[in-house]
Amino acid sequence: MVLYHFSFDLAYFAGLFDVSFFRSGLALNIARLGGGGFIFLAGLSLTLSYRRAVQTRPAGWGLFRKYLGRGLGVFSFGLLITFLTWIFVPEDMIVFGILHLIGASIILAYPFLTLKLPNAVLGFGCIVVGLYLRGFDAEHAYLAWLGVKPDFSMLDYWPLFPWFGVMLLGIFAGNTLYGERGRTTPGPSPKLPGIRPLTFLGRHSLLVYLLHQPILIAALILLGLVKIP
């Protein structure tokens, strides 16, 4: 993700090559694959979090409030990115990006956190609906969160359909791999050389996501590749 965004910054901010390369074809599919994997793992991680949580408190409103707060927290970071892109790159403002999606999905996924096969069915159903909605567009952004894309460009766009379906598939995988008949938690990280930095990045993925772009852009400014207006 960091390498992909760095190459995108070299095109979009530094102008070293045509940014249209990232808007279609192989580069766009790589972005979707990476983001889709991030969403899938977020769903899988929810099952582990939920399994630990129910060991200390019963399922119900109290537990839901935990995930409501977590989802709203992530969604608020998405709103912050919307505001920043509206200020600095209004022509490509992010209306509903990956943080909006994950924040909303954490809340919406709560009723499904104990399900297995129904999540696979619902997940594929959401993907089919998303593929159907791709055939529509609109002049405004009111339905962008659903999957009806507005007729303007966005730097980041991950609507609920089809991507909430990928989250549900991650929950299905988590409950299948670490469910009642399997292990309740993943095993310890293998003690391989260089593995500790990778586990740190995995455990602090939101922080990495929020900080890596400002750091990359600041580096380009210091290198003189991006001019401050």
C-alpha atoms as a PDB file:
ATOM      1  CA  MET A   1       0.000   0.000   0.000  1.00  0.00           C
ATOM      2  CA  VAL A   2       2.767   2.433   0.944  1.00  0.00           C
ATOM      3  CA  LEU A   3       4.727   1.696  -2.232  1.00  0.00           C
ATOM      4  CA  TYR A   4       1.603   2.048  -4.351  1.00  0.00           C
ATOM      5  CA  HIS A   5       0.687   5.391  -2.787  1.00  0.00           C
ATOM      6  CA  PHE A   6       4.253   6.633  -3.144  1.00  0.00           C
ATOM      7  CA  SER A   7       4.225   5.881  -6.867  1.00  0.00           C
ATOM      8  CA  PHE A   8       0.812   7.571  -7.129  1.00  0.00           C
ATOM      9  CA  ASP A   9       2.178  10.661  -5.337  1.00  0.00           C
ATOM     10  CA  LEU A  10       5.056  10.827  -7.802  1.00  0.00           C
ATOM     11  CA  ALA A  11       2.491  11.085 -10.583  1.00  0.00           C
ATOM     12  CA  TYR A  12      -0.256  13.149  -8.931  1.00  0.00           C
ATOM     13  CA  PHE A  13       1.745  15.659  -6.884  1.00  0.00           C
ATOM     14  CA  ALA A  14       5.191  15.591  -8.495  1.00  0.00           C
ATOM     15  CA  GLY A  15       3.968  15.127 -12.080  1.00  0.00           C
ATOM     16  CA  LEU A  16       6.734  12.708 -12.994  1.00  0.00           C
ATOM     17  CA  PHE A  17       4.380  10.654 -15.156  1.00  0.00           C
ATOM     18  CA  ASP A  18       0.734  10.548 -16.225  1.00  0.00           C
ATOM     19  CA  VAL A  19      -1.640   9.981 -13.309  1.00  0.00           C
ATOM     20  CA  SER A  20      -4.204   8.408 -15.644  1.00  0.00           C
ATOM     21  CA  PHE A  21      -2.073   5.250 -15.430  1.00  0.00           C
ATOM     22  CA  PHE A  22      -3.600   4.648 -11.972  1.00  0.00           C
ATOM     23  CA  ARG A  23      -7.217   5.185 -13.011  1.00  0.00           C
ATOM     24  CA  SER A  24      -7.627   2.070 -15.169  1.00  0.00           C
ATOM     25  CA  GLY A  25      -6.098  -1.236 -16.150  1.00  0.00           C
ATOM     26  CA  LEU A  26      -3.439  -3.062 -14.165  1.00  0.00           C
ATOM     27  CA  ALA A  27      -2.694  -0.258 -11.688  1.00  0.00           C
ATOM     28  CA  LEU A  28      -6.364   0.156 -10.777  1.00  0.00           C
ATOM     29  CA  ASN A  29      -6.745  -3.602 -10.302  1.00  0.00           C
ATOM     30  CA  ILE A  30      -3.672  -3.699  -8.055  1.00  0.00           C
ATOM     31  CA  ALA A  31      -5.218  -0.960  -5.928  1.00  0.00           C
ATOM     32  CA  ARG A  32      -8.503  -2.867  -5.697  1.00  0.00           C
ATOM     33  CA  LEU A  33      -6.710  -6.087  -4.803  1.00  0.00           C
ATOM     34  CA  GLY A  34      -4.697  -4.407  -2.058  1.00  0.00           C
ATOM     35  CA  GLY A  35      -7.672  -2.508  -0.656  1.00  0.00           C
ATOM     36  CA  GLY A  36      -9.900  -5.573  -0.921  1.00  0.00           C
ATOM     37  CA  GLY A  37      -7.357  -7.594   1.054  1.00  0.00           C
ATOM     38  CA  PHE A  38      -7.276  -4.866   3.703  1.00  0.00           C
ATOM     39  CA  ILE A  39     -11.092  -4.989   3.991  1.00  0.00           C
ATOM     40  CA  PHE A  40     -11.144  -8.801   4.064  1.00  0.00           C
ATOM     41  CA  LEU A  41      -8.596  -8.877   6.888  1.00  0.00           C
ATOM     42  CA  ALA A  42     -10.570  -6.228   8.770  1.00  0.00           C
ATOM     43  CA  GLY A  43     -13.567  -8.585   8.692  1.00  0.00           C
ATOM     44  CA  LEU A  44     -11.480 -11.550   9.805  1.00  0.00           C
ATOM     45  CA  SER A  45      -9.984  -9.483  12.633  1.00  0.00           C
ATOM     46  CA  LEU A  46     -13.468  -8.525  13.813  1.00  0.00           C
ATOM     47  CA  THR A  47     -14.238 -12.169  14.559  1.00  0.00           C
ATOM     48  CA  LEU A  48     -11.115 -12.456  16.738  1.00  0.00           C
ATOM     49  CA  SER A  49     -11.924  -9.213  18.533  1.00  0.00           C
ATOM     50  CA  TYR A  50     -15.521 -10.311  19.128  1.00  0.00           C
ATOM     51  CA  ARG A  51     -14.466 -13.718  20.434  1.00  0.00           C
ATOM     52  CA  ARG A  52     -12.168 -12.096  22.980  1.00  0.00           C
ATOM     53  CA  ALA A  53     -14.782  -9.501  23.937  1.00  0.00           C
ATOM     54  CA  VAL A  54     -17.540 -12.003  24.742  1.00  0.00           C
ATOM     55  CA  GLN A  55     -15.228 -13.703  27.221  1.00  0.00           C
ATOM     56  CA  THR A  56     -15.449 -10.644  29.468  1.00  0.00           C
ATOM     57  CA  ARG A  57     -18.929  -9.274  28.774  1.00  0.00           C
ATOM     58  CA  PRO A  58     -22.175 -10.726  27.386  1.00  0.00           C
ATOM     59  CA  ALA A  59     -23.353  -9.943  23.884  1.00  0.00           C
ATOM     60  CA  GLY A  60     -25.908  -7.164  23.834  1.00  0.00           C
ATOM     61  CA  TRP A  61     -26.155  -3.392  23.903  1.00  0.00           C
ATOM     62  CA  GLY A  62     -23.038  -2.963  26.040  1.00  0.00           C
ATOM     63  CA  LEU A  63     -20.909  -4.934  23.599  1.00  0.00           C
ATOM     64  CA  PHE A  64     -22.524  -3.280  20.593  1.00  0.00           C
ATOM     65  CA  ARG A  65     -21.560   0.123  21.989  1.00  0.00           C
ATOM     66  CA  LYS A  66     -17.909  -0.969  21.818  1.00  0.00           C
ATOM     67  CA  TYR A  67     -18.165  -1.636  18.094  1.00  0.00           C
ATOM     68  CA  LEU A  68     -20.370   1.403  17.542  1.00  0.00           C
ATOM     69  CA  GLY A  69     -17.685   3.578  19.114  1.00  0.00           C
ATOM     70  CA  ARG A  70     -14.918   1.876  17.145  1.00  0.00           C
ATOM     71  CA  GLY A  71     -16.814   2.225  13.872  1.00  0.00           C
ATOM     72  CA  LEU A  72     -17.646   5.876  14.480  1.00  0.00           C
ATOM     73  CA  GLY A  73     -14.011   6.523  15.354  1.00  0.00           C
ATOM     74  CA  VAL A  74     -12.750   5.090  12.068  1.00  0.00           C
ATOM     75  CA  PHE A  75     -15.554   6.834  10.154  1.00  0.00           C
ATOM     76  CA  SER A  76     -14.585  10.160  11.742  1.00  0.00           C
ATOM     77  CA  PHE A  77     -11.065   9.761  10.352  1.00  0.00           C
ATOM     78  CA  GLY A  78     -12.708   9.257   6.958  1.00  0.00           C
ATOM     79  CA  LEU A  79     -14.603  12.519   7.420  1.00  0.00           C
ATOM     80  CA  LEU A  80     -11.322  14.230   8.304  1.00  0.00           C
ATOM     81  CA  ILE A  81      -9.826  13.001   5.036  1.00  0.00           C
ATOM     82  CA  THR A  82     -12.926  14.237   3.196  1.00  0.00           C
ATOM     83  CA  PHE A  83     -12.399  17.678   4.725  1.00  0.00           C
ATOM     84  CA  LEU A  84      -8.669  17.763   3.931  1.00  0.00           C
ATOM     85  CA  THR A  85      -9.185  16.701   0.319  1.00  0.00           C
ATOM     86  CA  TRP A  86     -11.975  19.282  -0.025  1.00  0.00           C
ATOM     87  CA  ILE A  87      -9.467  21.946   1.073  1.00  0.00           C
ATOM     88  CA  PHE A  88      -6.353  20.828  -0.806  1.00  0.00           C
ATOM     89  CA  VAL A  89      -7.577  18.794  -3.812  1.00  0.00           C
ATOM     90  CA  PRO A  90     -11.259  19.781  -4.301  1.00  0.00           C
ATOM     91  CA  GLU A  91     -11.242  18.502  -7.880  1.00  0.00           C
ATOM     92  CA  ASP A  92     -10.653  14.950  -6.561  1.00  0.00           C
ATOM     93  CA  MET A  93     -12.307  15.168  -3.139  1.00  0.00           C
ATOM     94  CA  ILE A  94     -12.867  11.854  -1.341  1.00  0.00           C
ATOM     95  CA  VAL A  95     -16.570  11.450  -0.575  1.00  0.00           C
ATOM     96  CA  PHE A  96     -16.632   7.830   0.598  1.00  0.00           C
ATOM     97  CA  GLY A  97     -13.207   6.271   0.868  1.00  0.00           C
ATOM     98  CA  ILE A  98     -11.874   3.154   2.521  1.00  0.00           C
ATOM     99  CA  LEU A  99     -12.005   4.573   6.065  1.00  0.00           C
ATOM    100  CA  HIS A 100     -15.639   5.608   5.604  1.00  0.00           C
ATOM    101  CA  LEU A 101     -16.342   2.072   4.403  1.00  0.00           C
ATOM    102  CA  ILE A 102     -14.528   0.271   7.221  1.00  0.00           C
ATOM    103  CA  GLY A 103     -16.043   2.526   9.879  1.00  0.00           C
ATOM    104  CA  ALA A 104     -19.575   1.962   8.599  1.00  0.00           C
ATOM    105  CA  SER A 105     -18.939  -1.754   8.050  1.00  0.00           C
ATOM    106  CA  ILE A 106     -17.736  -2.306  11.629  1.00  0.00           C
ATOM    107  CA  ILE A 107     -21.127  -1.065  12.833  1.00  0.00           C
ATOM    108  CA  LEU A 108     -23.212  -2.841  10.190  1.00  0.00           C
ATOM    109  CA  ALA A 109     -21.340  -6.121  10.668  1.00  0.00           C
ATOM    110  CA  TYR A 110     -22.174  -6.508  14.356  1.00  0.00           C
ATOM    111  CA  PRO A 111     -25.305  -8.691  13.822  1.00  0.00           C
ATOM    112  CA  PHE A 112     -23.269 -11.002  11.581  1.00  0.00           C
ATOM    113  CA  LEU A 113     -20.208 -11.581  13.755  1.00  0.00           C
ATOM    114  CA  THR A 114     -21.258 -15.081  14.873  1.00  0.00           C
ATOM    115  CA  LEU A 115     -22.450 -16.331  11.474  1.00  0.00           C
ATOM    116  CA  LYS A 116     -20.571 -18.510   9.026  1.00  0.00           C
ATOM    117  CA  LEU A 117     -22.278 -19.670   5.821  1.00  0.00           C
ATOM    118  CA  PRO A 118     -24.903 -16.873   5.812  1.00  0.00           C
ATOM    119  CA  ASN A 119     -22.035 -14.379   5.663  1.00  0.00           C
ATOM    120  CA  ALA A 120     -20.666 -16.072   2.555  1.00  0.00           C
ATOM    121  CA  VAL A 121     -24.090 -15.906   0.897  1.00  0.00           C
ATOM    122  CA  LEU A 122     -24.707 -12.299   1.934  1.00  0.00           C
ATOM    123  CA  GLY A 123     -21.151 -11.350   1.006  1.00  0.00           C
ATOM    124  CA  PHE A 124     -21.453 -12.614  -2.541  1.00  0.00           C
ATOM    125  CA  GLY A 125     -24.908 -11.030  -2.723  1.00  0.00           C
ATOM    126  CA  CYS A 126     -23.442  -7.625  -1.828  1.00  0.00           C
ATOM    127  CA  ILE A 127     -20.791  -8.063  -4.499  1.00  0.00           C
ATOM    128  CA  VAL A 128     -23.443  -8.867  -7.125  1.00  0.00           C
ATOM    129  CA  VAL A 129     -25.456  -5.794  -6.109  1.00  0.00           C
ATOM    130  CA  GLY A 130     -22.301  -3.691  -6.335  1.00  0.00           C
ATOM    131  CA  LEU A 131     -21.562  -4.940  -9.837  1.00  0.00           C
ATOM    132  CA  TYR A 132     -25.135  -4.059 -10.818  1.00  0.00           C
ATOM    133  CA  LEU A 133     -24.884  -0.540  -9.353  1.00  0.00           C
ATOM    134  CA  ARG A 134     -21.691   0.089 -11.316  1.00  0.00           C
ATOM    135  CA  GLY A 135     -23.916   0.505 -14.353  1.00  0.00           C
ATOM    136  CA  PHE A 136     -25.445   3.663 -12.874  1.00  0.00           C
ATOM    137  CA  ASP A 137     -24.031   7.103 -12.287  1.00  0.00           C
ATOM    138  CA  ALA A 138     -25.310  10.390 -10.949  1.00  0.00           C
ATOM    139  CA  GLU A 139     -24.393  14.059 -11.058  1.00  0.00           C
ATOM    140  CA  HIS A 140     -24.435  14.346  -7.266  1.00  0.00           C
ATOM    141  CA  ALA A 141     -22.761  12.312  -4.511  1.00  0.00           C
ATOM    142  CA  TYR A 142     -25.816  11.528  -2.368  1.00  0.00           C
ATOM    143  CA  LEU A 143     -25.786   7.826  -3.296  1.00  0.00           C
ATOM    144  CA  ALA A 144     -22.017   7.434  -3.568  1.00  0.00           C
ATOM    145  CA  TRP A 145     -21.926   5.513  -0.269  1.00  0.00           C
ATOM    146  CA  LEU A 146     -24.151   2.827  -1.790  1.00  0.00           C
ATOM    147  CA  GLY A 147     -22.206   2.355  -5.010  1.00  0.00           C
ATOM    148  CA  VAL A 148     -23.798   4.803  -7.455  1.00  0.00           C
ATOM    149  CA  LYS A 149     -20.718   6.714  -8.511  1.00  0.00           C
ATOM    150  CA  PRO A 150     -21.013  10.463  -9.088  1.00  0.00           C
ATOM    151  CA  ASP A 151     -19.727  11.880 -12.363  1.00  0.00           C
ATOM    152  CA  PHE A 152     -16.587  13.388 -10.867  1.00  0.00           C
ATOM    153  CA  SER A 153     -13.217  11.941  -9.939  1.00  0.00           C
ATOM    154  CA  MET A 154     -12.282  10.868  -6.406  1.00  0.00           C
ATOM    155  CA  LEU A 155      -8.844   9.928  -5.114  1.00  0.00           C
ATOM    156  CA  ASP A 156     -10.343   7.080  -3.094  1.00  0.00           C
ATOM    157  CA  TYR A 157     -13.729   5.391  -3.554  1.00  0.00           C
ATOM    158  CA  TRP A 158     -14.924   2.277  -1.700  1.00  0.00           C
ATOM    159  CA  PRO A 159     -18.746   2.110  -1.503  1.00  0.00           C
ATOM    160  CA  LEU A 160     -20.703  -0.312   0.688  1.00  0.00           C
ATOM    161  CA  PHE A 161     -21.673  -2.308  -2.393  1.00  0.00           C
ATOM    162  CA  PRO A 162     -19.715  -4.383  -3.251  1.00  0.00           C
ATOM    163  CA  TRP A 163     -17.077  -3.880  -0.534  1.00  0.00           C
ATOM    164  CA  PHE A 164     -19.198  -4.598   2.542  1.00  0.00           C
ATOM    165  CA  GLY A 165     -19.570  -8.004   0.931  1.00  0.00           C
ATOM    166  CA  VAL A 166     -15.799  -8.470   1.126  1.00  0.00           C
ATOM    167  CA  MET A 167     -15.965  -7.597   4.832  1.00  0.00           C
ATOM    168  CA  LEU A 168     -18.638 -10.283   5.325  1.00  0.00           C
ATOM    169  CA  LEU A 169     -16.469 -12.807   3.496  1.00  0.00           C
ATOM    170  CA  GLY A 170     -13.659 -11.931   5.908  1.00  0.00           C
ATOM    171  CA  ILE A 171     -16.003 -12.586   8.838  1.00  0.00           C
ATOM    172  CA  PHE A 172     -16.987 -15.898   7.267  1.00  0.00           C
ATOM    173  CA  ALA A 173     -13.313 -16.839   6.929  1.00  0.00           C
ATOM    174  CA  GLY A 174     -12.561 -15.811  10.513  1.00  0.00           C
ATOM    175  CA  ASN A 175     -15.421 -17.823  11.964  1.00  0.00           C
ATOM    176  CA  THR A 176     -14.474 -20.801   9.811  1.00  0.00           C
ATOM    177  CA  LEU A 177     -10.751 -20.739  10.628  1.00  0.00           C
ATOM    178  CA  TYR A 178     -11.022 -19.763  14.286  1.00  0.00           C
ATOM    179  CA  GLY A 179     -14.553 -20.851  15.137  1.00  0.00           C
ATOM    180  CA  GLU A 180     -15.896 -23.243  17.718  1.00  0.00           C
ATOM    181  CA  ARG A 181     -14.371 -26.319  16.121  1.00  0.00           C
ATOM    182  CA  GLY A 182     -11.059 -24.674  15.392  1.00  0.00           C
ATOM    183  CA  ARG A 183      -8.585 -22.555  17.202  1.00  0.00           C
ATOM    184  CA  THR A 184      -9.999 -19.579  19.041  1.00  0.00           C
ATOM    185  CA  THR A 185      -7.058 -17.308  18.269  1.00  0.00           C
ATOM    186  CA  PRO A 186      -4.193 -17.301  15.796  1.00  0.00           C
ATOM    187  CA  GLY A 187      -0.948 -18.792  16.951  1.00  0.00           C
ATOM    188  CA  PRO A 188       2.098 -16.724  17.959  1.00  0.00           C
ATOM    189  CA  SER A 189       4.026 -14.945  15.264  1.00  0.00           C
ATOM    190  CA  PRO A 190       6.930 -17.025  13.923  1.00  0.00           C
ATOM    191  CA  LYS A 191      10.316 -15.909  15.231  1.00  0.00           C
ATOM    192  CA  LEU A 192      11.840 -15.119  11.862  1.00  0.00           C
ATOM    193  CA  PRO A 193      14.411 -12.390  11.182  1.00  0.00           C
ATOM    194  CA  GLY A 194      12.715  -9.105  10.415  1.00  0.00           C
ATOM    195  CA  ILE A 195       9.212 -10.306  11.355  1.00  0.00           C
ATOM    196  CA  ARG A 196       8.807  -7.941  14.338  1.00  0.00           C
ATOM    197  CA  PRO A 197       8.514  -4.756  12.198  1.00  0.00           C
ATOM    198  CA  LEU A 198       5.868  -6.470  10.060  1.00  0.00           C
ATOM    199  CA  THR A 199       3.813  -7.491  13.090  1.00  0.00           C
ATOM    200  CA  PHE A 200       4.054  -3.920  14.390  1.00  0.00           C
ATOM    201  CA  LEU A 201       2.674  -2.608  11.092  1.00  0.00           C
ATOM    202  CA  GLY A 202      -0.147  -5.140  11.203  1.00  0.00           C
ATOM    203  CA  ARG A 203      -1.154  -4.260  14.745  1.00  0.00           C
ATOM    204  CA  HIS A 204      -1.089  -0.521  14.022  1.00  0.00           C
ATOM    205  CA  SER A 205      -2.486  -0.546  10.489  1.00  0.00           C
ATOM    206  CA  LEU A 206      -4.858   2.406  11.047  1.00  0.00           C
ATOM    207  CA  LEU A 207      -2.017   4.571  12.364  1.00  0.00           C
ATOM    208  CA  VAL A 208       0.164   3.555   9.407  1.00  0.00           C
ATOM    209  CA  TYR A 209      -2.658   4.365   6.994  1.00  0.00           C
ATOM    210  CA  LEU A 210      -3.238   7.813   8.506  1.00  0.00           C
ATOM    211  CA  LEU A 211       0.420   8.846   8.720  1.00  0.00           C
ATOM    212  CA  HIS A 212       2.099   7.382   5.668  1.00  0.00           C
ATOM    213  CA  GLN A 213       0.678   9.827   3.107  1.00  0.00           C
ATOM    214  CA  PRO A 214       1.588  13.021   5.024  1.00  0.00           C
ATOM    215  CA  ILE A 215       5.085  11.601   5.533  1.00  0.00           C
ATOM    216  CA  LEU A 216       5.455  10.715   1.838  1.00  0.00           C
ATOM    217  CA  ILE A 217       4.201  14.107   0.661  1.00  0.00           C
ATOM    218  CA  ALA A 218       6.450  15.909   3.137  1.00  0.00           C
ATOM    219  CA  ALA A 219       9.411  13.909   1.818  1.00  0.00           C
ATOM    220  CA  LEU A 220       8.574  14.922  -1.764  1.00  0.00           C
ATOM    221  CA  ILE A 221       8.376  18.560  -0.687  1.00  0.00           C
ATOM    222  CA  LEU A 222      11.766  18.352   1.060  1.00  0.00           C
ATOM    223  CA  LEU A 223      13.251  16.743  -2.056  1.00  0.00           C
ATOM    224  CA  GLY A 224      11.918  19.628  -4.130  1.00  0.00           C
ATOM    225  CA  LEU A 225       9.660  17.399  -6.229  1.00  0.00           C
ATOM    226  CA  VAL A 226       6.485  19.121  -5.040  1.00  0.00           C
ATOM    227  CA  LYS A 227       6.129  22.878  -4.970  1.00  0.00           C
ATOM    228  CA  ILE A 228       4.079  24.508  -2.220  1.00  0.00           C
ATOM    229  CA  PRO A 229       1.745  27.141  -3.743  1.00  0.00           C
END
